[in-house]
């Protein structure tokens, strides 16, 4: 399945826009919800403990997902000092987003499999296209955010593992240089068509499709 190859079809564009909004909303809401469960009110006070897409969608990240297949939502604020688990609390908050993507990727794949088995809908049906895109988008957002480079979720997980004082310089260096490094990787991947990220995304998507025996 090549997600972006069908964007010239209006029905696919509608499904694509719907899927982007759903995926980004639940990803960011999951961060806010877990932060709240762990004792931090910051996201709630900022109006982020909601399923209202307007509270979570970053238009830059939205356009990036629309045009190049991966993007982001508005970062959810949290205060690590309010969390129940000082060391691993930030990692749990960070992991909540990718885990929500994994959940919805699997849920969408199961629904798509059942629809295919029923034989009730053809491949051009809006629901079939939507579920197909939900699998792909959730996998892309999950994998992309697990990259251990700031400001992505994976960096908070990495910092929780390397939380000792002796790793301070490493964390500070990655915090400072991480965003630029990530931007360079994205530019090189697209301008020079290295397709490292794209290949990684497609590999994981194919794993999900093969797991449920769904043709891609």
C-alpha atoms as a PDB file:
ATOM      1  CA  UNK A   1       0.000   0.000   0.000  1.00  0.00           C
ATOM      2  CA  UNK A   2       1.425   3.353  -1.047  1.00  0.00           C
ATOM      3  CA  UNK A   3      -0.570   5.829   1.005  1.00  0.00           C
ATOM      4  CA  UNK A   4       0.022   8.950  -1.052  1.00  0.00           C
ATOM      5  CA  UNK A   5      -0.587   7.406  -4.474  1.00  0.00           C
ATOM      6  CA  UNK A   6      -4.376   7.876  -4.319  1.00  0.00           C
ATOM      7  CA  UNK A   7      -4.563  11.526  -3.272  1.00  0.00           C
ATOM      8  CA  UNK A   8      -5.647  12.609  -6.750  1.00  0.00           C
ATOM      9  CA  UNK A   9      -8.997  10.878  -6.087  1.00  0.00           C
ATOM     10  CA  UNK A  10     -11.418  13.136  -4.155  1.00  0.00           C
ATOM     11  CA  UNK A  11     -12.934  10.272  -2.128  1.00  0.00           C
ATOM     12  CA  UNK A  12      -9.472   9.258  -0.947  1.00  0.00           C
ATOM     13  CA  UNK A  13      -8.624  12.840  -0.051  1.00  0.00           C
ATOM     14  CA  UNK A  14     -11.735  12.975   2.165  1.00  0.00           C
ATOM     15  CA  UNK A  15     -10.744   9.715   3.873  1.00  0.00           C
ATOM     16  CA  UNK A  16      -7.155  10.949   4.229  1.00  0.00           C
ATOM     17  CA  UNK A  17      -8.229  14.180   5.932  1.00  0.00           C
ATOM     18  CA  UNK A  18     -10.579  12.308   8.285  1.00  0.00           C
ATOM     19  CA  UNK A  19      -7.877   9.794   9.200  1.00  0.00           C
ATOM     20  CA  UNK A  20      -5.282  12.502   9.893  1.00  0.00           C
ATOM     21  CA  UNK A  21      -7.619  14.334  12.278  1.00  0.00           C
ATOM     22  CA  UNK A  22      -8.548  11.137  14.159  1.00  0.00           C
ATOM     23  CA  UNK A  23      -4.962   9.873  14.425  1.00  0.00           C
ATOM     24  CA  UNK A  24      -3.447  13.155  15.617  1.00  0.00           C
ATOM     25  CA  UNK A  25      -6.290  13.811  18.072  1.00  0.00           C
ATOM     26  CA  UNK A  26      -6.075  10.455  19.830  1.00  0.00           C
ATOM     27  CA  UNK A  27      -2.270  10.525  19.866  1.00  0.00           C
ATOM     28  CA  UNK A  28      -2.119  13.865  21.674  1.00  0.00           C
ATOM     29  CA  UNK A  29      -5.140  13.148  23.888  1.00  0.00           C
ATOM     30  CA  UNK A  30      -3.410   9.974  25.092  1.00  0.00           C
ATOM     31  CA  UNK A  31      -0.399  12.009  26.243  1.00  0.00           C
ATOM     32  CA  UNK A  32      -2.709  14.343  28.173  1.00  0.00           C
ATOM     33  CA  UNK A  33      -4.728  11.493  29.682  1.00  0.00           C
ATOM     34  CA  UNK A  34      -1.733   9.537  30.983  1.00  0.00           C
ATOM     35  CA  UNK A  35      -0.158  12.706  32.381  1.00  0.00           C
ATOM     36  CA  UNK A  36      -3.425  13.375  34.221  1.00  0.00           C
ATOM     37  CA  UNK A  37      -3.580   9.780  35.498  1.00  0.00           C
ATOM     38  CA  UNK A  38      -0.050  10.171  36.838  1.00  0.00           C
ATOM     39  CA  UNK A  39      -1.021  13.223  38.853  1.00  0.00           C
ATOM     40  CA  UNK A  40      -0.193  16.170  36.602  1.00  0.00           C
ATOM     41  CA  UNK A  41      -2.900  18.768  35.902  1.00  0.00           C
ATOM     42  CA  UNK A  42      -0.879  20.748  33.341  1.00  0.00           C
ATOM     43  CA  UNK A  43      -2.486  19.308  30.209  1.00  0.00           C
ATOM     44  CA  UNK A  44      -5.965  19.540  31.718  1.00  0.00           C
ATOM     45  CA  UNK A  45      -5.434  23.169  32.704  1.00  0.00           C
ATOM     46  CA  UNK A  46      -4.213  23.888  29.159  1.00  0.00           C
ATOM     47  CA  UNK A  47      -7.423  22.467  27.699  1.00  0.00           C
ATOM     48  CA  UNK A  48      -5.720  19.419  26.222  1.00  0.00           C
ATOM     49  CA  UNK A  49      -7.650  16.728  28.109  1.00  0.00           C
ATOM     50  CA  UNK A  50     -10.243  16.653  25.346  1.00  0.00           C
ATOM     51  CA  UNK A  51     -11.042  14.863  22.094  1.00  0.00           C
ATOM     52  CA  UNK A  52     -11.694  18.169  20.335  1.00  0.00           C
ATOM     53  CA  UNK A  53      -9.370  18.026  17.290  1.00  0.00           C
ATOM     54  CA  UNK A  54      -8.887  21.804  17.298  1.00  0.00           C
ATOM     55  CA  UNK A  55      -7.081  21.494  20.635  1.00  0.00           C
ATOM     56  CA  UNK A  56      -4.559  18.996  19.297  1.00  0.00           C
ATOM     57  CA  UNK A  57      -3.973  19.466  15.566  1.00  0.00           C
ATOM     58  CA  UNK A  58      -0.863  21.403  14.589  1.00  0.00           C
ATOM     59  CA  UNK A  59      -1.475  22.845  11.141  1.00  0.00           C
ATOM     60  CA  UNK A  60       2.190  22.472  10.239  1.00  0.00           C
ATOM     61  CA  UNK A  61       2.173  18.832  11.299  1.00  0.00           C
ATOM     62  CA  UNK A  62      -1.194  18.339   9.599  1.00  0.00           C
ATOM     63  CA  UNK A  63       0.095  19.667   6.279  1.00  0.00           C
ATOM     64  CA  UNK A  64       3.265  17.569   6.639  1.00  0.00           C
ATOM     65  CA  UNK A  65       1.145  14.428   7.077  1.00  0.00           C
ATOM     66  CA  UNK A  66      -0.995  15.453   4.120  1.00  0.00           C
ATOM     67  CA  UNK A  67       1.937  16.110   1.787  1.00  0.00           C
ATOM     68  CA  UNK A  68       4.782  13.811   2.809  1.00  0.00           C
ATOM     69  CA  UNK A  69       3.095  11.122   4.893  1.00  0.00           C
ATOM     70  CA  UNK A  70       4.360  11.875   8.411  1.00  0.00           C
ATOM     71  CA  UNK A  71       3.812  14.744  10.801  1.00  0.00           C
ATOM     72  CA  UNK A  72       2.821  15.687  14.339  1.00  0.00           C
ATOM     73  CA  UNK A  73       0.248  17.358  16.566  1.00  0.00           C
ATOM     74  CA  UNK A  74       0.608  20.151  19.105  1.00  0.00           C
ATOM     75  CA  UNK A  75       2.988  19.025  21.870  1.00  0.00           C
ATOM     76  CA  UNK A  76       1.110  18.261  25.084  1.00  0.00           C
ATOM     77  CA  UNK A  77       2.583  20.140  28.076  1.00  0.00           C
ATOM     78  CA  UNK A  78       3.318  18.345  31.321  1.00  0.00           C
ATOM     79  CA  UNK A  79       5.284  19.024  34.496  1.00  0.00           C
ATOM     80  CA  UNK A  80       7.588  16.070  35.262  1.00  0.00           C
ATOM     81  CA  UNK A  81       7.812  17.152  38.920  1.00  0.00           C
ATOM     82  CA  UNK A  82       4.086  16.478  39.347  1.00  0.00           C
ATOM     83  CA  UNK A  83       4.218  12.910  38.065  1.00  0.00           C
ATOM     84  CA  UNK A  84       3.963   9.958  40.444  1.00  0.00           C
ATOM     85  CA  UNK A  85       7.094   8.331  39.075  1.00  0.00           C
ATOM     86  CA  UNK A  86       9.865  10.958  38.769  1.00  0.00           C
ATOM     87  CA  UNK A  87      12.182   8.833  36.643  1.00  0.00           C
ATOM     88  CA  UNK A  88       9.852   6.934  34.333  1.00  0.00           C
ATOM     89  CA  UNK A  89       6.807   9.226  34.482  1.00  0.00           C
ATOM     90  CA  UNK A  90       7.889  11.308  31.469  1.00  0.00           C
ATOM     91  CA  UNK A  91       8.550   8.108  29.507  1.00  0.00           C
ATOM     92  CA  UNK A  92       5.073   6.798  30.305  1.00  0.00           C
ATOM     93  CA  UNK A  93       3.495  10.064  29.173  1.00  0.00           C
ATOM     94  CA  UNK A  94       5.584   9.982  25.998  1.00  0.00           C
ATOM     95  CA  UNK A  95       4.836   6.323  25.290  1.00  0.00           C
ATOM     96  CA  UNK A  96       1.087   6.887  25.578  1.00  0.00           C
ATOM     97  CA  UNK A  97       0.904   8.528  22.148  1.00  0.00           C
ATOM     98  CA  UNK A  98       2.651   5.773  20.150  1.00  0.00           C
ATOM     99  CA  UNK A  99       0.749   3.093  22.091  1.00  0.00           C
ATOM    100  CA  UNK A 100      -2.540   4.731  21.108  1.00  0.00           C
ATOM    101  CA  UNK A 101      -1.376   4.569  17.496  1.00  0.00           C
ATOM    102  CA  UNK A 102      -0.523   0.884  17.860  1.00  0.00           C
ATOM    103  CA  UNK A 103      -3.967   0.221  19.347  1.00  0.00           C
ATOM    104  CA  UNK A 104      -5.802   1.994  16.537  1.00  0.00           C
ATOM    105  CA  UNK A 105      -3.610   0.439  13.839  1.00  0.00           C
ATOM    106  CA  UNK A 106      -4.507  -3.036  15.110  1.00  0.00           C
ATOM    107  CA  UNK A 107      -8.177  -2.118  15.642  1.00  0.00           C
ATOM    108  CA  UNK A 108      -8.403  -0.692  12.115  1.00  0.00           C
ATOM    109  CA  UNK A 109      -6.671  -3.739  10.639  1.00  0.00           C
ATOM    110  CA  UNK A 110      -9.132  -6.075  12.390  1.00  0.00           C
ATOM    111  CA  UNK A 111     -12.105  -4.016  11.174  1.00  0.00           C
ATOM    112  CA  UNK A 112     -10.690  -3.943   7.646  1.00  0.00           C
ATOM    113  CA  UNK A 113     -10.155  -7.711   7.703  1.00  0.00           C
ATOM    114  CA  UNK A 114     -13.744  -8.320   8.827  1.00  0.00           C
ATOM    115  CA  UNK A 115     -15.105  -6.037   6.107  1.00  0.00           C
ATOM    116  CA  UNK A 116     -13.029  -7.804   3.455  1.00  0.00           C
ATOM    117  CA  UNK A 117     -14.238 -11.205   4.675  1.00  0.00           C
ATOM    118  CA  UNK A 118     -17.845 -10.028   4.593  1.00  0.00           C
ATOM    119  CA  UNK A 119     -17.549  -9.095   0.934  1.00  0.00           C
ATOM    120  CA  UNK A 120     -20.054  -6.288   1.472  1.00  0.00           C
ATOM    121  CA  UNK A 121     -17.821  -3.407   0.397  1.00  0.00           C
ATOM    122  CA  UNK A 122     -15.543  -2.929  -2.581  1.00  0.00           C
ATOM    123  CA  UNK A 123     -12.001  -1.492  -2.447  1.00  0.00           C
ATOM    124  CA  UNK A 124     -13.279   1.971  -3.453  1.00  0.00           C
ATOM    125  CA  UNK A 125     -15.710   2.208  -0.557  1.00  0.00           C
ATOM    126  CA  UNK A 126     -15.002   5.218   1.680  1.00  0.00           C
ATOM    127  CA  UNK A 127     -15.004   3.115   4.858  1.00  0.00           C
ATOM    128  CA  UNK A 128     -12.531   0.618   3.386  1.00  0.00           C
ATOM    129  CA  UNK A 129     -10.240   3.434   2.245  1.00  0.00           C
ATOM    130  CA  UNK A 130     -10.530   5.156   5.627  1.00  0.00           C
ATOM    131  CA  UNK A 131      -9.593   1.999   7.555  1.00  0.00           C
ATOM    132  CA  UNK A 132      -6.737   1.327   5.148  1.00  0.00           C
ATOM    133  CA  UNK A 133      -5.380   4.807   5.768  1.00  0.00           C
ATOM    134  CA  UNK A 134      -5.926   4.461   9.521  1.00  0.00           C
ATOM    135  CA  UNK A 135      -3.616   1.458   9.565  1.00  0.00           C
ATOM    136  CA  UNK A 136      -0.913   3.269   7.618  1.00  0.00           C
ATOM    137  CA  UNK A 137      -1.139   6.623   9.373  1.00  0.00           C
ATOM    138  CA  UNK A 138      -1.162   5.136  12.854  1.00  0.00           C
ATOM    139  CA  UNK A 139       1.898   3.027  12.056  1.00  0.00           C
ATOM    140  CA  UNK A 140       3.718   6.025  10.569  1.00  0.00           C
ATOM    141  CA  UNK A 141       2.967   8.281  13.547  1.00  0.00           C
ATOM    142  CA  UNK A 142       3.924   5.536  15.998  1.00  0.00           C
ATOM    143  CA  UNK A 143       7.242   4.685  14.365  1.00  0.00           C
ATOM    144  CA  UNK A 144       8.176   8.308  13.657  1.00  0.00           C
ATOM    145  CA  UNK A 145       7.517   9.393  17.238  1.00  0.00           C
ATOM    146  CA  UNK A 146       9.513   6.492  18.682  1.00  0.00           C
ATOM    147  CA  UNK A 147      12.686   7.791  17.031  1.00  0.00           C
ATOM    148  CA  UNK A 148      14.862   8.736  20.061  1.00  0.00           C
ATOM    149  CA  UNK A 149      15.642  12.263  18.904  1.00  0.00           C
ATOM    150  CA  UNK A 150      14.176  15.415  20.542  1.00  0.00           C
ATOM    151  CA  UNK A 151      11.499  16.628  20.395  1.00  0.00           C
ATOM    152  CA  UNK A 152       9.973  13.243  19.513  1.00  0.00           C
ATOM    153  CA  UNK A 153       8.450  10.937  22.139  1.00  0.00           C
ATOM    154  CA  UNK A 154      11.275   8.447  21.807  1.00  0.00           C
ATOM    155  CA  UNK A 155      13.735  10.966  23.246  1.00  0.00           C
ATOM    156  CA  UNK A 156      11.820  11.130  26.551  1.00  0.00           C
ATOM    157  CA  UNK A 157      11.917   7.356  26.764  1.00  0.00           C
ATOM    158  CA  UNK A 158      15.658   7.425  26.040  1.00  0.00           C
ATOM    159  CA  UNK A 159      16.266  10.122  28.673  1.00  0.00           C
ATOM    160  CA  UNK A 160      14.374   8.099  31.288  1.00  0.00           C
ATOM    161  CA  UNK A 161      16.711   5.172  30.643  1.00  0.00           C
ATOM    162  CA  UNK A 162      19.801   7.378  30.728  1.00  0.00           C
ATOM    163  CA  UNK A 163      18.669   9.508  33.667  1.00  0.00           C
ATOM    164  CA  UNK A 164      21.848   9.205  35.723  1.00  0.00           C
ATOM    165  CA  UNK A 165      23.886  12.335  36.419  1.00  0.00           C
ATOM    166  CA  UNK A 166      26.792  10.937  34.389  1.00  0.00           C
ATOM    167  CA  UNK A 167      24.653  11.201  31.226  1.00  0.00           C
ATOM    168  CA  UNK A 168      23.864  14.899  31.717  1.00  0.00           C
ATOM    169  CA  UNK A 169      26.154  16.080  28.922  1.00  0.00           C
ATOM    170  CA  UNK A 170      24.737  13.485  26.535  1.00  0.00           C
ATOM    171  CA  UNK A 171      21.167  14.565  27.299  1.00  0.00           C
ATOM    172  CA  UNK A 172      22.013  18.258  27.021  1.00  0.00           C
ATOM    173  CA  UNK A 173      23.776  17.725  23.689  1.00  0.00           C
ATOM    174  CA  UNK A 174      20.886  15.732  22.268  1.00  0.00           C
ATOM    175  CA  UNK A 175      18.346  18.272  23.545  1.00  0.00           C
ATOM    176  CA  UNK A 176      20.284  21.073  21.870  1.00  0.00           C
ATOM    177  CA  UNK A 177      21.166  19.387  18.585  1.00  0.00           C
ATOM    178  CA  UNK A 178      18.263  16.948  18.309  1.00  0.00           C
ATOM    179  CA  UNK A 179      15.731  19.120  16.450  1.00  0.00           C
ATOM    180  CA  UNK A 180      18.340  20.169  13.873  1.00  0.00           C
ATOM    181  CA  UNK A 181      19.494  16.568  13.470  1.00  0.00           C
ATOM    182  CA  UNK A 182      15.917  15.413  12.942  1.00  0.00           C
ATOM    183  CA  UNK A 183      15.312  18.132  10.363  1.00  0.00           C
ATOM    184  CA  UNK A 184      18.495  17.172   8.507  1.00  0.00           C
ATOM    185  CA  UNK A 185      17.429  13.518   8.441  1.00  0.00           C
ATOM    186  CA  UNK A 186      14.000  14.438   7.046  1.00  0.00           C
ATOM    187  CA  UNK A 187      15.472  16.763   4.406  1.00  0.00           C
ATOM    188  CA  UNK A 188      18.110  14.253   3.308  1.00  0.00           C
ATOM    189  CA  UNK A 189      15.516  11.493   3.219  1.00  0.00           C
ATOM    190  CA  UNK A 190      13.237  13.508   0.927  1.00  0.00           C
ATOM    191  CA  UNK A 191      15.556  15.698  -1.164  1.00  0.00           C
ATOM    192  CA  UNK A 192      18.064  12.939  -1.902  1.00  0.00           C
ATOM    193  CA  UNK A 193      15.329  10.278  -1.912  1.00  0.00           C
ATOM    194  CA  UNK A 194      17.206   8.043   0.512  1.00  0.00           C
ATOM    195  CA  UNK A 195      13.781   6.816   1.653  1.00  0.00           C
ATOM    196  CA  UNK A 196      15.162   5.474   4.936  1.00  0.00           C
ATOM    197  CA  UNK A 197      12.127   6.618   6.922  1.00  0.00           C
ATOM    198  CA  UNK A 198       9.715   5.620   4.180  1.00  0.00           C
ATOM    199  CA  UNK A 199      11.202   2.142   3.975  1.00  0.00           C
ATOM    200  CA  UNK A 200      10.967   1.763   7.752  1.00  0.00           C
ATOM    201  CA  UNK A 201       7.344   2.893   7.750  1.00  0.00           C
ATOM    202  CA  UNK A 202       6.385   0.536   4.934  1.00  0.00           C
ATOM    203  CA  UNK A 203       8.153  -2.397   6.582  1.00  0.00           C
ATOM    204  CA  UNK A 204       6.117  -1.979   9.776  1.00  0.00           C
ATOM    205  CA  UNK A 205       2.894  -1.408   7.802  1.00  0.00           C
ATOM    206  CA  UNK A 206       3.532  -4.623   5.883  1.00  0.00           C
ATOM    207  CA  UNK A 207       4.128  -6.470   9.160  1.00  0.00           C
ATOM    208  CA  UNK A 208       0.676  -5.380  10.341  1.00  0.00           C
ATOM    209  CA  UNK A 209      -0.940  -6.305   7.018  1.00  0.00           C
ATOM    210  CA  UNK A 210       0.759  -9.701   6.938  1.00  0.00           C
ATOM    211  CA  UNK A 211      -0.208 -10.334  10.552  1.00  0.00           C
ATOM    212  CA  UNK A 212      -3.877  -9.994   9.620  1.00  0.00           C
ATOM    213  CA  UNK A 213      -3.466 -11.452   6.110  1.00  0.00           C
ATOM    214  CA  UNK A 214      -4.685  -8.265   4.443  1.00  0.00           C
ATOM    215  CA  UNK A 215      -3.527  -7.533   0.912  1.00  0.00           C
ATOM    216  CA  UNK A 216      -1.535  -4.288   0.683  1.00  0.00           C
END
